[in-house]
Amino acid sequence: LVLAFFTASAIWLLLRAEFLAITLVLVYVGAVMVLF
């Protein structure tokens, strides 16, 4: 799931949605996945 989040954030970077990509990595990978 961490790999899926990183890849989804890379796709968002391709769509030029930088804020959403960084938020996905920081919030979900950095906090929620650590909790999981």
All heavy atoms as atom14 arrays in JSON, in Angstrom:
{
  "sequence": "LVLAFFTASAIWLLLRAEFLAITLVLVYVGAVMVLF",
  "atom14_mask": [
    [1, 1, 1, 1, 1, 1, 1, 1, 0, 0, 0, 0, 0, 0],
    [1, 1, 1, 1, 1, 1, 1, 0, 0, 0, 0, 0, 0, 0],
    [1, 1, 1, 1, 1, 1, 1, 1, 0, 0, 0, 0, 0, 0],
    [1, 1, 1, 1, 1, 0, 0, 0, 0, 0, 0, 0, 0, 0],
    [1, 1, 1, 1, 1, 1, 1, 1, 1, 1, 1, 0, 0, 0],
    [1, 1, 1, 1, 1, 1, 1, 1, 1, 1, 1, 0, 0, 0],
    [1, 1, 1, 1, 1, 1, 1, 0, 0, 0, 0, 0, 0, 0],
    [1, 1, 1, 1, 1, 0, 0, 0, 0, 0, 0, 0, 0, 0],
    [1, 1, 1, 1, 1, 1, 0, 0, 0, 0, 0, 0, 0, 0],
    [1, 1, 1, 1, 1, 0, 0, 0, 0, 0, 0, 0, 0, 0],
    [1, 1, 1, 1, 1, 1, 1, 1, 0, 0, 0, 0, 0, 0],
    [1, 1, 1, 1, 1, 1, 1, 1, 1, 1, 1, 1, 1, 1],
    [1, 1, 1, 1, 1, 1, 1, 1, 0, 0, 0, 0, 0, 0],
    [1, 1, 1, 1, 1, 1, 1, 1, 0, 0, 0, 0, 0, 0],
    [1, 1, 1, 1, 1, 1, 1, 1, 0, 0, 0, 0, 0, 0],
    [1, 1, 1, 1, 1, 1, 1, 1, 1, 1, 1, 0, 0, 0],
    [1, 1, 1, 1, 1, 0, 0, 0, 0, 0, 0, 0, 0, 0],
    [1, 1, 1, 1, 1, 1, 1, 1, 1, 0, 0, 0, 0, 0],
    [1, 1, 1, 1, 1, 1, 1, 1, 1, 1, 1, 0, 0, 0],
    [1, 1, 1, 1, 1, 1, 1, 1, 0, 0, 0, 0, 0, 0],
    [1, 1, 1, 1, 1, 0, 0, 0, 0, 0, 0, 0, 0, 0],
    [1, 1, 1, 1, 1, 1, 1, 1, 0, 0, 0, 0, 0, 0],
    [1, 1, 1, 1, 1, 1, 1, 0, 0, 0, 0, 0, 0, 0],
    [1, 1, 1, 1, 1, 1, 1, 1, 0, 0, 0, 0, 0, 0],
    [1, 1, 1, 1, 1, 1, 1, 0, 0, 0, 0, 0, 0, 0],
    [1, 1, 1, 1, 1, 1, 1, 1, 0, 0, 0, 0, 0, 0],
    [1, 1, 1, 1, 1, 1, 1, 0, 0, 0, 0, 0, 0, 0],
    [1, 1, 1, 1, 1, 1, 1, 1, 1, 1, 1, 1, 0, 0],
    [1, 1, 1, 1, 1, 1, 1, 0, 0, 0, 0, 0, 0, 0],
    [1, 1, 1, 1, 0, 0, 0, 0, 0, 0, 0, 0, 0, 0],
    [1, 1, 1, 1, 1, 0, 0, 0, 0, 0, 0, 0, 0, 0],
    [1, 1, 1, 1, 1, 1, 1, 0, 0, 0, 0, 0, 0, 0],
    [1, 1, 1, 1, 1, 1, 1, 1, 0, 0, 0, 0, 0, 0],
    [1, 1, 1, 1, 1, 1, 1, 0, 0, 0, 0, 0, 0, 0],
    [1, 1, 1, 1, 1, 1, 1, 1, 0, 0, 0, 0, 0, 0],
    [1, 1, 1, 1, 1, 1, 1, 1, 1, 1, 1, 0, 0, 0]
  ],
  "atom14_positions": [
    [[0.83, -1.2, 0.0], [0.0, 0.0, 0.0], [0.87, 1.26, 0.0], [0.53, 2.27, -0.63], [-0.94, -0.02, 1.2], [-2.04, 1.03, 1.24], [-2.9, 0.95, -0.01], [-2.91, 0.86, 2.46], [0.0, 0.0, 0.0], [0.0, 0.0, 0.0], [0.0, 0.0, 0.0], [0.0, 0.0, 0.0], [0.0, 0.0, 0.0], [0.0, 0.0, 0.0]],
    [[2.0, 1.21, 0.71], [2.95, 2.33, 0.66], [3.46, 2.53, -0.77], [3.54, 3.67, -1.26], [4.12, 2.08, 1.64], [5.23, 3.08, 1.42], [3.65, 2.13, 3.07], [0.0, 0.0, 0.0], [0.0, 0.0, 0.0], [0.0, 0.0, 0.0], [0.0, 0.0, 0.0], [0.0, 0.0, 0.0], [0.0, 0.0, 0.0], [0.0, 0.0, 0.0]],
    [[3.79, 1.43, -1.45], [4.23, 1.53, -2.84], [3.13, 2.12, -3.72], [3.4, 2.96, -4.6], [4.64, 0.15, -3.36], [5.04, 0.06, -4.83], [6.26, 0.92, -5.12], [5.28, -1.38, -5.22], [0.0, 0.0, 0.0], [0.0, 0.0, 0.0], [0.0, 0.0, 0.0], [0.0, 0.0, 0.0], [0.0, 0.0, 0.0], [0.0, 0.0, 0.0]],
    [[1.88, 1.73, -3.48], [0.77, 2.28, -4.26], [0.62, 3.78, -4.02], [0.36, 4.54, -4.96], [-0.53, 1.54, -3.9], [0.0, 0.0, 0.0], [0.0, 0.0, 0.0], [0.0, 0.0, 0.0], [0.0, 0.0, 0.0], [0.0, 0.0, 0.0], [0.0, 0.0, 0.0], [0.0, 0.0, 0.0], [0.0, 0.0, 0.0], [0.0, 0.0, 0.0]],
    [[0.78, 4.21, -2.77], [0.69, 5.65, -2.47], [1.8, 6.43, -3.17], [1.56, 7.51, -3.71], [0.74, 5.88, -0.96], [-0.54, 5.56, -0.26], [-0.52, 5.17, 1.06], [-1.76, 5.65, -0.91], [-1.71, 4.87, 1.72], [-2.94, 5.37, -0.26], [-2.92, 4.97, 1.06], [0.0, 0.0, 0.0], [0.0, 0.0, 0.0], [0.0, 0.0, 0.0]],
    [[3.02, 5.92, -3.12], [4.13, 6.6, -3.79], [3.88, 6.71, -5.3], [4.14, 7.75, -5.9], [5.44, 5.86, -3.53], [6.18, 6.36, -2.32], [6.36, 5.53, -1.22], [6.68, 7.64, -2.27], [7.03, 5.98, -0.1], [7.36, 8.1, -1.15], [7.53, 7.26, -0.07], [0.0, 0.0, 0.0], [0.0, 0.0, 0.0], [0.0, 0.0, 0.0]],
    [[3.39, 5.62, -5.9], [3.16, 5.64, -7.34], [2.02, 6.59, -7.7], [2.09, 7.3, -8.71], [2.84, 4.22, -7.83], [3.8, 3.31, -7.28], [2.9, 4.14, -9.33], [0.0, 0.0, 0.0], [0.0, 0.0, 0.0], [0.0, 0.0, 0.0], [0.0, 0.0, 0.0], [0.0, 0.0, 0.0], [0.0, 0.0, 0.0], [0.0, 0.0, 0.0]],
    [[0.96, 6.62, -6.86], [-0.13, 7.55, -7.12], [0.33, 9.0, -7.0], [-0.09, 9.87, -7.77], [-1.28, 7.28, -6.15], [0.0, 0.0, 0.0], [0.0, 0.0, 0.0], [0.0, 0.0, 0.0], [0.0, 0.0, 0.0], [0.0, 0.0, 0.0], [0.0, 0.0, 0.0], [0.0, 0.0, 0.0], [0.0, 0.0, 0.0], [0.0, 0.0, 0.0]],
    [[1.22, 9.26, -6.05], [1.75, 10.63, -5.94], [2.61, 10.99, -7.15], [2.6, 12.14, -7.6], [2.56, 10.78, -4.65], [3.73, 9.99, -4.71], [0.0, 0.0, 0.0], [0.0, 0.0, 0.0], [0.0, 0.0, 0.0], [0.0, 0.0, 0.0], [0.0, 0.0, 0.0], [0.0, 0.0, 0.0], [0.0, 0.0, 0.0], [0.0, 0.0, 0.0]],
    [[3.32, 10.01, -7.71], [4.09, 10.28, -8.93], [3.15, 10.6, -10.1], [3.44, 11.49, -10.91], [4.97, 9.08, -9.27], [0.0, 0.0, 0.0], [0.0, 0.0, 0.0], [0.0, 0.0, 0.0], [0.0, 0.0, 0.0], [0.0, 0.0, 0.0], [0.0, 0.0, 0.0], [0.0, 0.0, 0.0], [0.0, 0.0, 0.0], [0.0, 0.0, 0.0]],
    [[2.02, 9.9, -10.18], [1.06, 10.2, -11.24], [0.47, 11.59, -11.04], [0.25, 12.34, -12.01], [-0.03, 9.11, -11.27], [0.56, 7.79, -11.75], [-1.19, 9.52, -12.17], [-0.39, 6.63, -11.71], [0.0, 0.0, 0.0], [0.0, 0.0, 0.0], [0.0, 0.0, 0.0], [0.0, 0.0, 0.0], [0.0, 0.0, 0.0], [0.0, 0.0, 0.0]],
    [[0.22, 11.98, -9.81], [-0.29, 13.33, -9.55], [0.76, 14.39, -9.92], [0.4, 15.48, -10.35], [-0.71, 13.48, -8.1], [-2.09, 12.94, -7.87], [-2.97, 12.53, -8.81], [-2.73, 12.78, -6.61], [-4.12, 12.12, -8.22], [-4.01, 12.25, -6.88], [-2.35, 13.02, -5.31], [-4.92, 11.97, -5.88], [-3.26, 12.73, -4.31], [-4.53, 12.22, -4.6]],
    [[2.04, 14.06, -9.74], [3.07, 14.99, -10.19], [3.04, 15.15, -11.71], [3.27, 16.25, -12.22], [4.45, 14.51, -9.74], [4.82, 14.78, -8.28], [6.16, 14.13, -7.96], [4.88, 16.26, -8.01], [0.0, 0.0, 0.0], [0.0, 0.0, 0.0], [0.0, 0.0, 0.0], [0.0, 0.0, 0.0], [0.0, 0.0, 0.0], [0.0, 0.0, 0.0]],
    [[2.76, 14.04, -12.41], [2.64, 14.15, -13.87], [1.45, 15.01, -14.27], [1.48, 15.67, -15.3], [2.48, 12.75, -14.48], [3.72, 11.87, -14.52], [3.38, 10.5, -15.05], [4.8, 12.51, -15.37], [0.0, 0.0, 0.0], [0.0, 0.0, 0.0], [0.0, 0.0, 0.0], [0.0, 0.0, 0.0], [0.0, 0.0, 0.0], [0.0, 0.0, 0.0]],
    [[0.41, 15.01, -13.44], [-0.77, 15.84, -13.72], [-0.6, 17.27, -13.22], [-1.56, 18.04, -13.24], [-2.01, 15.21, -13.08], [-2.43, 13.84, -13.63], [-3.56, 13.26, -12.8], [-2.84, 13.98, -15.08], [0.0, 0.0, 0.0], [0.0, 0.0, 0.0], [0.0, 0.0, 0.0], [0.0, 0.0, 0.0], [0.0, 0.0, 0.0], [0.0, 0.0, 0.0]],
    [[0.58, 17.59, -12.73], [0.93, 18.92, -12.23], [0.09, 19.32, -11.01], [-0.27, 20.47, -10.84], [0.81, 19.97, -13.33], [1.87, 19.81, -14.4], [1.61, 20.65, -15.61], [2.65, 20.44, -16.63], [2.69, 19.4, -17.45], [1.77, 18.47, -17.36], [3.66, 19.29, -18.33], [0.0, 0.0, 0.0], [0.0, 0.0, 0.0], [0.0, 0.0, 0.0]],
    [[-0.23, 18.33, -10.19], [-0.91, 18.59, -8.9], [0.1, 18.32, -7.8], [0.05, 17.33, -7.08], [-2.14, 17.72, -8.75], [0.0, 0.0, 0.0], [0.0, 0.0, 0.0], [0.0, 0.0, 0.0], [0.0, 0.0, 0.0], [0.0, 0.0, 0.0], [0.0, 0.0, 0.0], [0.0, 0.0, 0.0], [0.0, 0.0, 0.0], [0.0, 0.0, 0.0]],
    [[1.09, 19.21, -7.68], [2.22, 18.99, -6.78], [1.79, 18.94, -5.32], [2.29, 18.13, -4.54], [3.27, 20.08, -6.97], [3.87, 20.15, -8.35], [3.08, 21.01, -9.3], [2.09, 21.62, -8.86], [3.44, 21.05, -10.5], [0.0, 0.0, 0.0], [0.0, 0.0, 0.0], [0.0, 0.0, 0.0], [0.0, 0.0, 0.0], [0.0, 0.0, 0.0]],
    [[0.84, 19.81, -4.95], [0.42, 19.86, -3.55], [-0.23, 18.55, -3.13], [0.04, 18.03, -2.05], [-0.55, 21.03, -3.35], [-1.09, 21.12, -1.95], [-0.29, 21.57, -0.91], [-2.39, 20.74, -1.67], [-0.77, 21.64, 0.37], [-2.88, 20.81, -0.38], [-2.07, 21.26, 0.63], [0.0, 0.0, 0.0], [0.0, 0.0, 0.0], [0.0, 0.0, 0.0]],
    [[-1.1, 17.99, -3.99], [-1.75, 16.72, -3.66], [-0.74, 15.59, -3.58], [-0.85, 14.71, -2.72], [-2.83, 16.42, -4.69], [-4.06, 17.32, -4.68], [-5.0, 16.94, -5.79], [-4.77, 17.23, -3.34], [0.0, 0.0, 0.0], [0.0, 0.0, 0.0], [0.0, 0.0, 0.0], [0.0, 0.0, 0.0], [0.0, 0.0, 0.0], [0.0, 0.0, 0.0]],
    [[0.25, 15.6, -4.45], [1.27, 14.55, -4.43], [2.08, 14.6, -3.14], [2.31, 13.57, -2.49], [2.18, 14.69, -5.64], [0.0, 0.0, 0.0], [0.0, 0.0, 0.0], [0.0, 0.0, 0.0], [0.0, 0.0, 0.0], [0.0, 0.0, 0.0], [0.0, 0.0, 0.0], [0.0, 0.0, 0.0], [0.0, 0.0, 0.0], [0.0, 0.0, 0.0]],
    [[2.5, 15.78, -2.75], [3.28, 15.92, -1.51], [2.42, 15.59, -0.3], [2.87, 14.95, 0.66], [3.88, 17.33, -1.42], [4.92, 17.52, -2.53], [4.51, 17.58, -0.07], [5.43, 18.92, -2.66], [0.0, 0.0, 0.0], [0.0, 0.0, 0.0], [0.0, 0.0, 0.0], [0.0, 0.0, 0.0], [0.0, 0.0, 0.0], [0.0, 0.0, 0.0]],
    [[1.15, 16.0, -0.32], [0.26, 15.7, 0.79], [0.04, 14.2, 0.92], [0.0, 13.66, 2.03], [-1.1, 16.42, 0.58], [-0.86, 17.8, 0.45], [-2.03, 16.17, 1.74], [0.0, 0.0, 0.0], [0.0, 0.0, 0.0], [0.0, 0.0, 0.0], [0.0, 0.0, 0.0], [0.0, 0.0, 0.0], [0.0, 0.0, 0.0], [0.0, 0.0, 0.0]],
    [[-0.1, 13.51, -0.2], [-0.29, 12.06, -0.16], [0.91, 11.37, 0.47], [0.76, 10.47, 1.3], [-0.51, 11.53, -1.58], [-0.74, 10.03, -1.71], [-2.03, 9.62, -1.02], [-0.76, 9.61, -3.15], [0.0, 0.0, 0.0], [0.0, 0.0, 0.0], [0.0, 0.0, 0.0], [0.0, 0.0, 0.0], [0.0, 0.0, 0.0], [0.0, 0.0, 0.0]],
    [[2.11, 11.82, 0.11], [3.31, 11.19, 0.67], [3.44, 11.53, 2.16], [3.69, 10.66, 2.99], [4.56, 11.64, -0.11], [5.83, 11.18, 0.59], [4.52, 11.08, -1.52], [0.0, 0.0, 0.0], [0.0, 0.0, 0.0], [0.0, 0.0, 0.0], [0.0, 0.0, 0.0], [0.0, 0.0, 0.0], [0.0, 0.0, 0.0], [0.0, 0.0, 0.0]],
    [[3.26, 12.8, 2.51], [3.47, 13.2, 3.91], [2.4, 12.65, 4.84], [2.7, 12.14, 5.92], [3.51, 14.73, 4.01], [4.72, 15.42, 3.4], [4.62, 16.91, 3.58], [6.0, 14.9, 4.03], [0.0, 0.0, 0.0], [0.0, 0.0, 0.0], [0.0, 0.0, 0.0], [0.0, 0.0, 0.0], [0.0, 0.0, 0.0], [0.0, 0.0, 0.0]],
    [[1.14, 12.76, 4.43], [0.05, 12.38, 5.33], [-0.15, 10.88, 5.35], [-0.11, 10.25, 6.41], [-1.26, 13.1, 4.94], [-2.42, 12.6, 5.77], [-1.1, 14.6, 5.11], [0.0, 0.0, 0.0], [0.0, 0.0, 0.0], [0.0, 0.0, 0.0], [0.0, 0.0, 0.0], [0.0, 0.0, 0.0], [0.0, 0.0, 0.0], [0.0, 0.0, 0.0]],
    [[-0.33, 10.27, 4.17], [-0.67, 8.85, 4.15], [0.54, 7.96, 4.38], [0.5, 7.05, 5.2], [-1.36, 8.5, 2.84], [-2.79, 8.94, 2.82], [-3.16, 10.17, 2.28], [-3.78, 8.15, 3.37], [-4.47, 10.58, 2.28], [-5.1, 8.56, 3.39], [-5.44, 9.78, 2.84], [-6.73, 10.19, 2.85], [0.0, 0.0, 0.0], [0.0, 0.0, 0.0]],
    [[1.62, 8.21, 3.66], [2.8, 7.37, 3.84], [3.5, 7.7, 5.16], [3.92, 6.81, 5.9], [3.77, 7.54, 2.65], [5.03, 6.73, 2.86], [3.08, 7.12, 1.37], [0.0, 0.0, 0.0], [0.0, 0.0, 0.0], [0.0, 0.0, 0.0], [0.0, 0.0, 0.0], [0.0, 0.0, 0.0], [0.0, 0.0, 0.0], [0.0, 0.0, 0.0]],
    [[3.59, 8.98, 5.49], [4.33, 9.37, 6.68], [3.59, 9.16, 7.98], [4.21, 8.93, 9.01], [0.0, 0.0, 0.0], [0.0, 0.0, 0.0], [0.0, 0.0, 0.0], [0.0, 0.0, 0.0], [0.0, 0.0, 0.0], [0.0, 0.0, 0.0], [0.0, 0.0, 0.0], [0.0, 0.0, 0.0], [0.0, 0.0, 0.0], [0.0, 0.0, 0.0]],
    [[2.27, 9.22, 7.98], [1.54, 9.13, 9.24], [0.59, 7.94, 9.28], [0.68, 7.08, 10.16], [0.75, 10.43, 9.46], [0.0, 0.0, 0.0], [0.0, 0.0, 0.0], [0.0, 0.0, 0.0], [0.0, 0.0, 0.0], [0.0, 0.0, 0.0], [0.0, 0.0, 0.0], [0.0, 0.0, 0.0], [0.0, 0.0, 0.0], [0.0, 0.0, 0.0]],
    [[-0.32, 7.86, 8.31], [-1.35, 6.83, 8.37], [-0.75, 5.44, 8.18], [-1.1, 4.5, 8.91], [-2.43, 7.13, 7.31], [-3.47, 6.03, 7.28], [-3.1, 8.46, 7.6], [0.0, 0.0, 0.0], [0.0, 0.0, 0.0], [0.0, 0.0, 0.0], [0.0, 0.0, 0.0], [0.0, 0.0, 0.0], [0.0, 0.0, 0.0], [0.0, 0.0, 0.0]],
    [[0.19, 5.28, 7.24], [0.76, 3.96, 7.03], [1.65, 3.52, 8.18], [1.72, 2.34, 8.5], [1.54, 3.93, 5.71], [0.65, 3.89, 4.5], [-0.66, 2.65, 4.61], [0.27, 1.17, 4.87], [0.0, 0.0, 0.0], [0.0, 0.0, 0.0], [0.0, 0.0, 0.0], [0.0, 0.0, 0.0], [0.0, 0.0, 0.0], [0.0, 0.0, 0.0]],
    [[2.32, 4.46, 8.82], [3.08, 4.11, 10.02], [2.15, 3.63, 11.11], [2.43, 2.65, 11.81], [3.92, 5.32, 10.49], [4.54, 5.06, 11.84], [4.99, 5.64, 9.47], [0.0, 0.0, 0.0], [0.0, 0.0, 0.0], [0.0, 0.0, 0.0], [0.0, 0.0, 0.0], [0.0, 0.0, 0.0], [0.0, 0.0, 0.0], [0.0, 0.0, 0.0]],
    [[0.99, 4.28, 11.23], [-0.01, 3.84, 12.2], [-0.54, 2.45, 11.84], [-0.68, 1.58, 12.72], [-1.16, 4.85, 12.25], [-2.3, 4.53, 13.2], [-1.82, 4.59, 14.64], [-3.45, 5.49, 13.0], [0.0, 0.0, 0.0], [0.0, 0.0, 0.0], [0.0, 0.0, 0.0], [0.0, 0.0, 0.0], [0.0, 0.0, 0.0], [0.0, 0.0, 0.0]],
    [[-0.81, 2.2, 10.56], [-1.28, 0.88, 10.14], [-0.24, -0.19, 10.47], [-0.58, -1.24, 11.01], [-1.55, 0.87, 8.63], [-2.85, 1.5, 8.24], [-3.18, 1.65, 6.91], [-3.75, 1.96, 9.19], [-4.38, 2.24, 6.53], [-4.94, 2.55, 8.84], [-5.25, 2.69, 7.5], [0.0, 0.0, 0.0], [0.0, 0.0, 0.0], [0.0, 0.0, 0.0]]
  ]
}
